[in-house]
Structure formats: structure tokens, C-alpha cells
mmCIF file of all heavy atoms, coordinates in Angstrom:
data_MODEL
# 
_entry.id   MODEL 
# 
loop_
_atom_site.group_PDB 
_atom_site.id 
_atom_site.type_symbol 
_atom_site.label_atom_id 
_atom_site.label_alt_id 
_atom_site.label_comp_id 
_atom_site.label_asym_id 
_atom_site.label_entity_id 
_atom_site.label_seq_id 
_atom_site.pdbx_PDB_ins_code 
_atom_site.Cartn_x 
_atom_site.Cartn_y 
_atom_site.Cartn_z 
_atom_site.occupancy 
_atom_site.B_iso_or_equiv 
_atom_site.pdbx_formal_charge 
_atom_site.auth_seq_id 
_atom_site.auth_comp_id 
_atom_site.auth_asym_id 
_atom_site.auth_atom_id 
_atom_site.pdbx_PDB_model_num 
ATOM 1   N N   . LYS A 1 1  ? 98.653  71.691 73.688 1.00 0.00 ? 1  LYS A N   1 
ATOM 2   C CA  . LYS A 1 1  ? 97.870  72.695 72.990 1.00 0.00 ? 1  LYS A CA  1 
ATOM 3   C C   . LYS A 1 1  ? 97.309  72.108 71.701 1.00 0.00 ? 1  LYS A C   1 
ATOM 4   O O   . LYS A 1 1  ? 97.990  71.367 70.996 1.00 0.00 ? 1  LYS A O   1 
ATOM 5   C CB  . LYS A 1 1  ? 98.723  73.925 72.661 1.00 0.00 ? 1  LYS A CB  1 
ATOM 6   C CG  . LYS A 1 1  ? 99.268  74.656 73.879 1.00 0.00 ? 1  LYS A CG  1 
ATOM 7   C CD  . LYS A 1 1  ? 98.168  75.342 74.654 1.00 0.00 ? 1  LYS A CD  1 
ATOM 8   C CE  . LYS A 1 1  ? 98.740  76.153 75.825 1.00 0.00 ? 1  LYS A CE  1 
ATOM 9   N NZ  . LYS A 1 1  ? 97.664  76.808 76.622 1.00 0.00 ? 1  LYS A NZ  1 
ATOM 10  N N   . SER A 1 2  ? 96.087  72.451 71.388 1.00 0.00 ? 2  SER A N   1 
ATOM 11  C CA  . SER A 1 2  ? 95.444  71.894 70.197 1.00 0.00 ? 2  SER A CA  1 
ATOM 12  C C   . SER A 1 2  ? 96.128  72.333 68.914 1.00 0.00 ? 2  SER A C   1 
ATOM 13  O O   . SER A 1 2  ? 96.025  71.666 67.889 1.00 0.00 ? 2  SER A O   1 
ATOM 14  C CB  . SER A 1 2  ? 93.973  72.302 70.161 1.00 0.00 ? 2  SER A CB  1 
ATOM 15  O OG  . SER A 1 2  ? 93.848  73.724 70.066 1.00 0.00 ? 2  SER A OG  1 
ATOM 16  N N   . GLN A 1 3  ? 96.845  73.459 68.934 1.00 0.00 ? 3  GLN A N   1 
ATOM 17  C CA  . GLN A 1 3  ? 97.493  73.986 67.742 1.00 0.00 ? 3  GLN A CA  1 
ATOM 18  C C   . GLN A 1 3  ? 98.982  73.621 67.675 1.00 0.00 ? 3  GLN A C   1 
ATOM 19  O O   . GLN A 1 3  ? 99.728  74.164 66.864 1.00 0.00 ? 3  GLN A O   1 
ATOM 20  C CB  . GLN A 1 3  ? 97.326  75.504 67.678 1.00 0.00 ? 3  GLN A CB  1 
ATOM 21  C CG  . GLN A 1 3  ? 95.874  75.947 67.547 1.00 0.00 ? 3  GLN A CG  1 
ATOM 22  C CD  . GLN A 1 3  ? 95.722  77.455 67.559 1.00 0.00 ? 3  GLN A CD  1 
ATOM 23  O OE1 . GLN A 1 3  ? 96.704  78.185 67.598 1.00 0.00 ? 3  GLN A OE1 1 
ATOM 24  N NE2 . GLN A 1 3  ? 94.487  77.925 67.534 1.00 0.00 ? 3  GLN A NE2 1 
ATOM 25  N N   . ALA A 1 4  ? 99.409  72.689 68.539 1.00 0.00 ? 4  ALA A N   1 
ATOM 26  C CA  . ALA A 1 4  ? 100.796 72.241 68.521 1.00 0.00 ? 4  ALA A CA  1 
ATOM 27  C C   . ALA A 1 4  ? 101.031 71.314 67.324 1.00 0.00 ? 4  ALA A C   1 
ATOM 28  O O   . ALA A 1 4  ? 100.089 70.878 66.664 1.00 0.00 ? 4  ALA A O   1 
ATOM 29  C CB  . ALA A 1 4  ? 101.133 71.520 69.819 1.00 0.00 ? 4  ALA A CB  1 
ATOM 30  N N   . THR A 1 5  ? 102.307 71.019 67.076 1.00 0.00 ? 5  THR A N   1 
ATOM 31  C CA  . THR A 1 5  ? 102.655 70.115 65.982 1.00 0.00 ? 5  THR A CA  1 
ATOM 32  C C   . THR A 1 5  ? 102.892 68.709 66.526 1.00 0.00 ? 5  THR A C   1 
ATOM 33  O O   . THR A 1 5  ? 103.063 68.513 67.738 1.00 0.00 ? 5  THR A O   1 
ATOM 34  C CB  . THR A 1 5  ? 103.927 70.586 65.266 1.00 0.00 ? 5  THR A CB  1 
ATOM 35  O OG1 . THR A 1 5  ? 105.019 70.554 66.195 1.00 0.00 ? 5  THR A OG1 1 
ATOM 36  C CG2 . THR A 1 5  ? 103.756 72.003 64.731 1.00 0.00 ? 5  THR A CG2 1 
ATOM 37  N N   . PHE A 1 6  ? 102.923 67.748 65.627 1.00 0.00 ? 6  PHE A N   1 
ATOM 38  C CA  . PHE A 1 6  ? 103.220 66.379 66.032 1.00 0.00 ? 6  PHE A CA  1 
ATOM 39  C C   . PHE A 1 6  ? 104.656 66.276 66.538 1.00 0.00 ? 6  PHE A C   1 
ATOM 40  O O   . PHE A 1 6  ? 104.976 65.436 67.372 1.00 0.00 ? 6  PHE A O   1 
ATOM 41  C CB  . PHE A 1 6  ? 103.000 65.419 64.851 1.00 0.00 ? 6  PHE A CB  1 
ATOM 42  C CG  . PHE A 1 6  ? 101.555 65.081 64.616 1.00 0.00 ? 6  PHE A CG  1 
ATOM 43  C CD1 . PHE A 1 6  ? 100.780 65.855 63.773 1.00 0.00 ? 6  PHE A CD1 1 
ATOM 44  C CD2 . PHE A 1 6  ? 100.965 63.995 65.246 1.00 0.00 ? 6  PHE A CD2 1 
ATOM 45  C CE1 . PHE A 1 6  ? 99.444  65.553 63.554 1.00 0.00 ? 6  PHE A CE1 1 
ATOM 46  C CE2 . PHE A 1 6  ? 99.626  63.679 65.039 1.00 0.00 ? 6  PHE A CE2 1 
ATOM 47  C CZ  . PHE A 1 6  ? 98.859  64.468 64.198 1.00 0.00 ? 6  PHE A CZ  1 
ATOM 48  N N   . GLY A 1 7  ? 105.532 67.156 66.035 1.00 0.00 ? 7  GLY A N   1 
ATOM 49  C CA  . GLY A 1 7  ? 106.908 67.175 66.515 1.00 0.00 ? 7  GLY A CA  1 
ATOM 50  C C   . GLY A 1 7  ? 106.987 67.569 67.979 1.00 0.00 ? 7  GLY A C   1 
ATOM 51  O O   . GLY A 1 7  ? 107.777 66.996 68.747 1.00 0.00 ? 7  GLY A O   1 
ATOM 52  N N   . GLU A 1 8  ? 106.161 68.535 68.387 1.00 0.00 ? 8  GLU A N   1 
ATOM 53  C CA  . GLU A 1 8  ? 106.123 68.943 69.792 1.00 0.00 ? 8  GLU A CA  1 
ATOM 54  C C   . GLU A 1 8  ? 105.584 67.813 70.662 1.00 0.00 ? 8  GLU A C   1 
ATOM 55  O O   . GLU A 1 8  ? 106.037 67.611 71.794 1.00 0.00 ? 8  GLU A O   1 
ATOM 56  C CB  . GLU A 1 8  ? 105.264 70.194 69.939 1.00 0.00 ? 8  GLU A CB  1 
ATOM 57  C CG  . GLU A 1 8  ? 105.849 71.430 69.282 1.00 0.00 ? 8  GLU A CG  1 
ATOM 58  C CD  . GLU A 1 8  ? 104.911 72.615 69.348 1.00 0.00 ? 8  GLU A CD  1 
ATOM 59  O OE1 . GLU A 1 8  ? 104.979 73.365 70.342 1.00 0.00 ? 8  GLU A OE1 1 
ATOM 60  O OE2 . GLU A 1 8  ? 104.120 72.796 68.401 1.00 0.00 ? 8  GLU A OE2 1 
ATOM 61  N N   . LEU A 1 9  ? 104.627 67.083 70.127 1.00 0.00 ? 9  LEU A N   1 
ATOM 62  C CA  . LEU A 1 9  ? 104.075 65.937 70.854 1.00 0.00 ? 9  LEU A CA  1 
ATOM 63  C C   . LEU A 1 9  ? 105.136 64.849 71.029 1.00 0.00 ? 9  LEU A C   1 
ATOM 64  O O   . LEU A 1 9  ? 105.251 64.234 72.095 1.00 0.00 ? 9  LEU A O   1 
ATOM 65  C CB  . LEU A 1 9  ? 102.863 65.379 70.109 1.00 0.00 ? 9  LEU A CB  1 
ATOM 66  C CG  . LEU A 1 9  ? 102.188 64.143 70.719 1.00 0.00 ? 9  LEU A CG  1 
ATOM 67  C CD1 . LEU A 1 9  ? 101.733 64.410 72.150 1.00 0.00 ? 9  LEU A CD1 1 
ATOM 68  C CD2 . LEU A 1 9  ? 101.003 63.702 69.857 1.00 0.00 ? 9  LEU A CD2 1 
ATOM 69  N N   . LYS A 1 10 ? 105.964 64.649 70.005 1.00 0.00 ? 10 LYS A N   1 
ATOM 70  C CA  . LYS A 1 10 ? 107.036 63.653 70.086 1.00 0.00 ? 10 LYS A CA  1 
ATOM 71  C C   . LYS A 1 10 ? 108.039 64.013 71.179 1.00 0.00 ? 10 LYS A C   1 
ATOM 72  O O   . LYS A 1 10 ? 108.544 63.140 71.890 1.00 0.00 ? 10 LYS A O   1 
ATOM 73  C CB  . LYS A 1 10 ? 107.742 63.540 68.740 1.00 0.00 ? 10 LYS A CB  1 
ATOM 74  C CG  . LYS A 1 10 ? 106.928 62.847 67.658 1.00 0.00 ? 10 LYS A CG  1 
ATOM 75  C CD  . LYS A 1 10 ? 107.699 62.783 66.346 1.00 0.00 ? 10 LYS A CD  1 
ATOM 76  C CE  . LYS A 1 10 ? 106.899 62.076 65.264 1.00 0.00 ? 10 LYS A CE  1 
ATOM 77  N NZ  . LYS A 1 10 ? 107.650 61.993 63.983 1.00 0.00 ? 10 LYS A NZ  1 
ATOM 78  N N   . LYS A 1 11 ? 108.352 65.308 71.306 1.00 0.00 ? 11 LYS A N   1 
ATOM 79  C CA  . LYS A 1 11 ? 109.290 65.747 72.341 1.00 0.00 ? 11 LYS A CA  1 
ATOM 80  C C   . LYS A 1 11 ? 108.741 65.453 73.732 1.00 0.00 ? 11 LYS A C   1 
ATOM 81  O O   . LYS A 1 11 ? 109.491 65.074 74.642 1.00 0.00 ? 11 LYS A O   1 
ATOM 82  C CB  . LYS A 1 11 ? 109.568 67.242 72.195 1.00 0.00 ? 11 LYS A CB  1 
ATOM 83  C CG  . LYS A 1 11 ? 110.388 67.596 70.966 1.00 0.00 ? 11 LYS A CG  1 
ATOM 84  C CD  . LYS A 1 11 ? 110.624 69.091 70.872 1.00 0.00 ? 11 LYS A CD  1 
ATOM 85  C CE  . LYS A 1 11 ? 111.430 69.454 69.625 1.00 0.00 ? 11 LYS A CE  1 
ATOM 86  N NZ  . LYS A 1 11 ? 111.643 70.915 69.510 1.00 0.00 ? 11 LYS A NZ  1 
ATOM 87  N N   . MET A 1 12 ? 107.430 65.634 73.898 1.00 0.00 ? 12 MET A N   1 
ATOM 88  C CA  . MET A 1 12 ? 106.813 65.358 75.196 1.00 0.00 ? 12 MET A CA  1 
ATOM 89  C C   . MET A 1 12 ? 106.812 63.860 75.482 1.00 0.00 ? 12 MET A C   1 
ATOM 90  O O   . MET A 1 12 ? 106.986 63.427 76.620 1.00 0.00 ? 12 MET A O   1 
ATOM 91  C CB  . MET A 1 12 ? 105.389 65.913 75.223 1.00 0.00 ? 12 MET A CB  1 
ATOM 92  C CG  . MET A 1 12 ? 105.316 67.433 75.081 1.00 0.00 ? 12 MET A CG  1 
ATOM 93  S SD  . MET A 1 12 ? 103.629 68.075 75.102 1.00 0.00 ? 12 MET A SD  1 
ATOM 94  C CE  . MET A 1 12 ? 103.189 67.808 76.810 1.00 0.00 ? 12 MET A CE  1 
ATOM 95  N N   . LEU A 1 13 ? 106.646 63.050 74.431 1.00 0.00 ? 13 LEU A N   1 
ATOM 96  C CA  . LEU A 1 13 ? 106.630 61.601 74.607 1.00 0.00 ? 13 LEU A CA  1 
ATOM 97  C C   . LEU A 1 13 ? 108.030 61.048 74.864 1.00 0.00 ? 13 LEU A C   1 
ATOM 98  O O   . LEU A 1 13 ? 108.176 59.979 75.454 1.00 0.00 ? 13 LEU A O   1 
ATOM 99  C CB  . LEU A 1 13 ? 106.034 60.933 73.356 1.00 0.00 ? 13 LEU A CB  1 
ATOM 100 C CG  . LEU A 1 13 ? 104.530 61.124 73.158 1.00 0.00 ? 13 LEU A CG  1 
ATOM 101 C CD1 . LEU A 1 13 ? 104.123 60.683 71.765 1.00 0.00 ? 13 LEU A CD1 1 
ATOM 102 C CD2 . LEU A 1 13 ? 103.741 60.347 74.216 1.00 0.00 ? 13 LEU A CD2 1 
ATOM 103 N N   . ALA A 1 14 ? 109.051 61.770 74.425 1.00 0.00 ? 14 ALA A N   1 
ATOM 104 C CA  . ALA A 1 14 ? 110.427 61.309 74.610 1.00 0.00 ? 14 ALA A CA  1 
ATOM 105 C C   . ALA A 1 14 ? 110.763 61.142 76.085 1.00 0.00 ? 14 ALA A C   1 
ATOM 106 O O   . ALA A 1 14 ? 111.444 60.195 76.487 1.00 0.00 ? 14 ALA A O   1 
ATOM 107 C CB  . ALA A 1 14 ? 111.397 62.282 73.950 1.00 0.00 ? 14 ALA A CB  1 
ATOM 108 N N   . GLY A 1 15 ? 110.296 62.072 76.914 1.00 0.00 ? 15 GLY A N   1 
ATOM 109 C CA  . GLY A 1 15 ? 110.568 61.993 78.339 1.00 0.00 ? 15 GLY A CA  1 
ATOM 110 C C   . GLY A 1 15 ? 109.869 60.832 79.019 1.00 0.00 ? 15 GLY A C   1 
ATOM 111 O O   . GLY A 1 15 ? 110.338 60.321 80.037 1.00 0.00 ? 15 GLY A O   1 
ATOM 112 N N   . ARG A 1 16 ? 108.773 60.380 78.449 1.00 0.00 ? 16 ARG A N   1 
ATOM 113 C CA  . ARG A 1 16 ? 108.006 59.298 79.064 1.00 0.00 ? 16 ARG A CA  1 
ATOM 114 C C   . ARG A 1 16 ? 108.410 57.933 78.536 1.00 0.00 ? 16 ARG A C   1 
ATOM 115 O O   . ARG A 1 16 ? 108.341 56.939 79.253 1.00 0.00 ? 16 ARG A O   1 
ATOM 116 C CB  . ARG A 1 16 ? 106.505 59.517 78.818 1.00 0.00 ? 16 ARG A CB  1 
ATOM 117 C CG  . ARG A 1 16 ? 106.006 60.867 79.306 1.00 0.00 ? 16 ARG A CG  1 
ATOM 118 C CD  . ARG A 1 16 ? 104.506 60.944 79.245 1.00 0.00 ? 16 ARG A CD  1 
ATOM 119 N NE  . ARG A 1 16 ? 104.006 62.263 79.646 1.00 0.00 ? 16 ARG A NE  1 
ATOM 120 C CZ  . ARG A 1 16 ? 102.740 62.523 79.919 1.00 0.00 ? 16 ARG A CZ  1 
ATOM 121 N NH1 . ARG A 1 16 ? 101.830 61.574 79.819 1.00 0.00 ? 16 ARG A NH1 1 
ATOM 122 N NH2 . ARG A 1 16 ? 102.369 63.741 80.284 1.00 0.00 ? 16 ARG A NH2 1 
ATOM 123 N N   . THR A 1 17 ? 108.808 57.876 77.289 1.00 0.00 ? 17 THR A N   1 
ATOM 124 C CA  . THR A 1 17 ? 109.140 56.591 76.675 1.00 0.00 ? 17 THR A CA  1 
ATOM 125 C C   . THR A 1 17 ? 110.641 56.347 76.575 1.00 0.00 ? 17 THR A C   1 
ATOM 126 O O   . THR A 1 17 ? 111.075 55.212 76.383 1.00 0.00 ? 17 THR A O   1 
ATOM 127 C CB  . THR A 1 17 ? 108.538 56.519 75.257 1.00 0.00 ? 17 THR A CB  1 
ATOM 128 O OG1 . THR A 1 17 ? 109.132 57.535 74.438 1.00 0.00 ? 17 THR A OG1 1 
ATOM 129 C CG2 . THR A 1 17 ? 107.029 56.735 75.305 1.00 0.00 ? 17 THR A CG2 1 
ATOM 130 N N   . GLY A 1 18 ? 111.447 57.418 76.686 1.00 0.00 ? 18 GLY A N   1 
ATOM 131 C CA  . GLY A 1 18 ? 112.885 57.280 76.514 1.00 0.00 ? 18 GLY A CA  1 
ATOM 132 C C   . GLY A 1 18 ? 113.290 57.118 75.066 1.00 0.00 ? 18 GLY A C   1 
ATOM 133 O O   . GLY A 1 18 ? 114.441 56.793 74.767 1.00 0.00 ? 18 GLY A O   1 
ATOM 134 N N   . LEU A 1 19 ? 112.355 57.347 74.172 1.00 0.00 ? 19 LEU A N   1 
ATOM 135 C CA  . LEU A 1 19 ? 112.600 57.194 72.738 1.00 0.00 ? 19 LEU A CA  1 
ATOM 136 C C   . LEU A 1 19 ? 112.915 58.543 72.122 1.00 0.00 ? 19 LEU A C   1 
ATOM 137 O O   . LEU A 1 19 ? 112.159 59.505 72.284 1.00 0.00 ? 19 LEU A O   1 
ATOM 138 C CB  . LEU A 1 19 ? 111.364 56.584 72.067 1.00 0.00 ? 19 LEU A CB  1 
ATOM 139 C CG  . LEU A 1 19 ? 111.507 56.062 70.648 1.00 0.00 ? 19 LEU A CG  1 
ATOM 140 C CD1 . LEU A 1 19 ? 112.531 54.938 70.583 1.00 0.00 ? 19 LEU A CD1 1 
ATOM 141 C CD2 . LEU A 1 19 ? 110.158 55.570 70.121 1.00 0.00 ? 19 LEU A CD2 1 
ATOM 142 N N   . ASN A 1 20 ? 114.043 58.625 71.426 1.00 0.00 ? 20 ASN A N   1 
ATOM 143 C CA  . ASN A 1 20 ? 114.450 59.872 70.771 1.00 0.00 ? 20 ASN A CA  1 
ATOM 144 C C   . ASN A 1 20 ? 113.365 60.339 69.813 1.00 0.00 ? 20 ASN A C   1 
ATOM 145 O O   . ASN A 1 20 ? 112.809 59.535 69.057 1.00 0.00 ? 20 ASN A O   1 
ATOM 146 C CB  . ASN A 1 20 ? 115.754 59.636 70.007 1.00 0.00 ? 20 ASN A CB  1 
ATOM 147 C CG  . ASN A 1 20 ? 116.388 60.926 69.534 1.00 0.00 ? 20 ASN A CG  1 
ATOM 148 O OD1 . ASN A 1 20 ? 115.798 61.703 68.795 1.00 0.00 ? 20 ASN A OD1 1 
ATOM 149 N ND2 . ASN A 1 20 ? 117.619 61.149 69.947 1.00 0.00 ? 20 ASN A ND2 1 
ATOM 150 N N   . PRO A 1 21 ? 113.012 61.644 69.823 1.00 0.00 ? 21 PRO A N   1 
ATOM 151 C CA  . PRO A 1 21 ? 111.973 62.144 68.910 1.00 0.00 ? 21 PRO A CA  1 
ATOM 152 C C   . PRO A 1 21 ? 112.248 61.811 67.446 1.00 0.00 ? 21 PRO A C   1 
ATOM 153 O O   . PRO A 1 21 ? 111.305 61.600 66.664 1.00 0.00 ? 21 PRO A O   1 
ATOM 154 C CB  . PRO A 1 21 ? 112.010 63.660 69.143 1.00 0.00 ? 21 PRO A CB  1 
ATOM 155 C CG  . PRO A 1 21 ? 112.509 63.810 70.531 1.00 0.00 ? 21 PRO A CG  1 
ATOM 156 C CD  . PRO A 1 21 ? 113.504 62.700 70.712 1.00 0.00 ? 21 PRO A CD  1 
ATOM 157 N N   . LEU A 1 22 ? 113.534 61.722 67.076 1.00 0.00 ? 22 LEU A N   1 
ATOM 158 C CA  . LEU A 1 22 ? 113.874 61.402 65.683 1.00 0.00 ? 22 LEU A CA  1 
ATOM 159 C C   . LEU A 1 22 ? 113.585 59.943 65.349 1.00 0.00 ? 22 LEU A C   1 
ATOM 160 O O   . LEU A 1 22 ? 113.508 59.579 64.168 1.00 0.00 ? 22 LEU A O   1 
ATOM 161 C CB  . LEU A 1 22 ? 115.355 61.705 65.426 1.00 0.00 ? 22 LEU A CB  1 
ATOM 162 C CG  . LEU A 1 22 ? 115.792 63.155 65.593 1.00 0.00 ? 22 LEU A CG  1 
ATOM 163 C CD1 . LEU A 1 22 ? 117.304 63.278 65.416 1.00 0.00 ? 22 LEU A CD1 1 
ATOM 164 C CD2 . LEU A 1 22 ? 115.071 64.058 64.598 1.00 0.00 ? 22 LEU A CD2 1 
ATOM 165 N N   . ASP A 1 23 ? 113.437 59.106 66.384 1.00 0.00 ? 23 ASP A N   1 
ATOM 166 C CA  . ASP A 1 23 ? 113.183 57.681 66.169 1.00 0.00 ? 23 ASP A CA  1 
ATOM 167 C C   . ASP A 1 23 ? 111.709 57.333 66.329 1.00 0.00 ? 23 ASP A C   1 
ATOM 168 O O   . ASP A 1 23 ? 111.347 56.147 66.325 1.00 0.00 ? 23 ASP A O   1 
ATOM 169 C CB  . ASP A 1 23 ? 114.004 56.840 67.156 1.00 0.00 ? 23 ASP A CB  1 
ATOM 170 C CG  . ASP A 1 23 ? 115.496 57.092 67.007 1.00 0.00 ? 23 ASP A CG  1 
ATOM 171 O OD1 . ASP A 1 23 ? 115.914 57.549 65.935 1.00 0.00 ? 23 ASP A OD1 1 
ATOM 172 O OD2 . ASP A 1 23 ? 116.243 56.837 67.976 1.00 0.00 ? 23 ASP A OD2 1 
ATOM 173 N N   . GLN A 1 24 ? 110.851 58.347 66.482 1.00 0.00 ? 24 GLN A N   1 
ATOM 174 C CA  . GLN A 1 24 ? 109.432 58.109 66.720 1.00 0.00 ? 24 GLN A CA  1 
ATOM 175 C C   . GLN A 1 24 ? 108.616 58.188 65.430 1.00 0.00 ? 24 GLN A C   1 
ATOM 176 O O   . GLN A 1 24 ? 108.892 59.002 64.557 1.00 0.00 ? 24 GLN A O   1 
ATOM 177 C CB  . GLN A 1 24 ? 108.880 59.131 67.723 1.00 0.00 ? 24 GLN A CB  1 
ATOM 178 C CG  . GLN A 1 24 ? 109.486 59.023 69.109 1.00 0.00 ? 24 GLN A CG  1 
ATOM 179 C CD  . GLN A 1 24 ? 108.889 60.040 70.078 1.00 0.00 ? 24 GLN A CD  1 
ATOM 180 O OE1 . GLN A 1 24 ? 107.766 60.505 69.882 1.00 0.00 ? 24 GLN A OE1 1 
ATOM 181 N NE2 . GLN A 1 24 ? 109.640 60.392 71.104 1.00 0.00 ? 24 GLN A NE2 1 
ATOM 182 N N   . LYS A 1 25 ? 107.608 57.328 65.373 1.00 0.00 ? 25 LYS A N   1 
ATOM 183 C CA  . LYS A 1 25 ? 106.654 57.356 64.263 1.00 0.00 ? 25 LYS A CA  1 
ATOM 184 C C   . LYS A 1 25 ? 105.250 57.390 64.861 1.00 0.00 ? 25 LYS A C   1 
ATOM 185 O O   . LYS A 1 25 ? 104.826 56.432 65.519 1.00 0.00 ? 25 LYS A O   1 
ATOM 186 C CB  . LYS A 1 25 ? 106.814 56.117 63.382 1.00 0.00 ? 25 LYS A CB  1 
ATOM 187 C CG  . LYS A 1 25 ? 105.865 56.079 62.185 1.00 0.00 ? 25 LYS A CG  1 
ATOM 188 C CD  . LYS A 1 25 ? 105.887 54.734 61.484 1.00 0.00 ? 25 LYS A CD  1 
ATOM 189 C CE  . LYS A 1 25 ? 107.225 54.487 60.824 1.00 0.00 ? 25 LYS A CE  1 
ATOM 190 N NZ  . LYS A 1 25 ? 107.198 53.211 60.027 1.00 0.00 ? 25 LYS A NZ  1 
ATOM 191 N N   . LEU A 1 26 ? 104.563 58.522 64.680 1.00 0.00 ? 26 LEU A N   1 
ATOM 192 C CA  . LEU A 1 26 ? 103.209 58.685 65.227 1.00 0.00 ? 26 LEU A CA  1 
ATOM 193 C C   . LEU A 1 26 ? 102.182 58.405 64.142 1.00 0.00 ? 26 LEU A C   1 
ATOM 194 O O   . LEU A 1 26 ? 102.235 58.996 63.057 1.00 0.00 ? 26 LEU A O   1 
ATOM 195 C CB  . LEU A 1 26 ? 103.018 60.098 65.771 1.00 0.00 ? 26 LEU A CB  1 
ATOM 196 C CG  . LEU A 1 26 ? 103.481 60.348 67.215 1.00 0.00 ? 26 LEU A CG  1 
ATOM 197 C CD1 . LEU A 1 26 ? 103.353 61.821 67.572 1.00 0.00 ? 26 LEU A CD1 1 
ATOM 198 C CD2 . LEU A 1 26 ? 102.687 59.502 68.200 1.00 0.00 ? 26 LEU A CD2 1 
# 
């Protein structure tokens, strides 16, 4: 969604990259 947060995007990327959202830097 265009109105989502970067935190929500990190959660979606966690499943694809295996990287914990807390360890991500966008």
C-alpha cells in the first residue's frame, strides 16, 4: 500500500531475505 510505513515494508522483506526487520536498513 502506498500509505504503508517502511517498517511494514521491512516485515514483508524479512520473509524473502531471511533478515530480521530489526537488522534491516532501508
